[in-house]
Amino acid sequence: MSTLYLVATPIGNLGDISNRALHVLGEVRLIAAEDTRRTIKLLNHYGIHTPISSYHEHNKITKLTEFMAALEAGDVALVSDAGTPALNDPGYELVRAALVARHSVTPIPGPCAPIAALVASGLPTEAFLYLGYLPRKITERRHLLVETVDLPYTLIFLETPHRLLSALEDLKIVLGDRNVAVARELTKLHEEIFRGSLSAAWAHFATQPPRGEFVLVVAGRTPHQETWSAERLRAVLKEHLERGASPAQIAGDLAVRSGWARREVYQVINEMKGKLFKEL
């Protein structure tokens, strides 16, 4: 049987690719590439002339037949536009299909933006949770963040420049003003890693328009978490109320987590429900 190679490619600096990755890209029958324009530049730089075919979010199902046929005839390499393929990029379906057909699937390790940002963040690395891109809509984003409030793990997210400030604001509101490392343009000429509180990060990027793709590395919950702000409490309460939880259940849960007294949480719930009633 043939082998599907998952080849990590540079996230910026072309010198970061391994000799093994170059050898595999030069020897396989076909390269499945998320962005053929970027991959061709890499191949041309190293004088590799292997045939290449597109494999991205919009054709990943229809192209399965083509790549499975190629695997029947020889080895195939999968690359993303940058970094490690199949990690927040197309590839899962192809990996599963290759395994079902009893082909080998072999990773060729290399650059990975989330891991690069994590190890340089200055935050704990022994346990972390990678959650990919934050949802675009505020309600969905805050819903996801509420699910992570009590987790002790370092959290890793991806974000685009035009949503960075709103993402940092929601992180602060829901999680509190935790420490964060905001990394952009890793391994490139204008690499930047901002380390500080979420509020400080927001202030920094509010005065310097965000450019490039961002990795956000956020501290997990500490055992002695500070008392939540009223804004943060209301944001989390809103999520619980929208799910239909009872006020008693909500107050009992959040009185422990937020540092607010149970009666105070009840009072805020009643205020929010009263405001909602008036709006209706």
Foldseek 3Di string as FASTA:
>chain_A
DAEEEFAAQAPADRVFGDPVSLVCQQPWQEEEEQDVVLVVVSCVVVVHDHHYDYDFDVCPVVCLVVVVVSRVVYYYYYYYSHGTPPPLTPDPVNVVVCVVVVHHYHYDHTGDVQVVCVVPQPADDPFEDEDEAQDPDLLSNLLVLLVQQQPQHWYKYKYAQVCVLVNLVSCCLANNFFWKWKWFPPPHPPTDIDTDTSVVVNVVCVVPRDDGIIMMTTGGDDPDHDAHDPSNLVSSVVSCVVVPDDLVVSLVVCVVVRVNHSVVSSVVNVVVVVVVVVVD
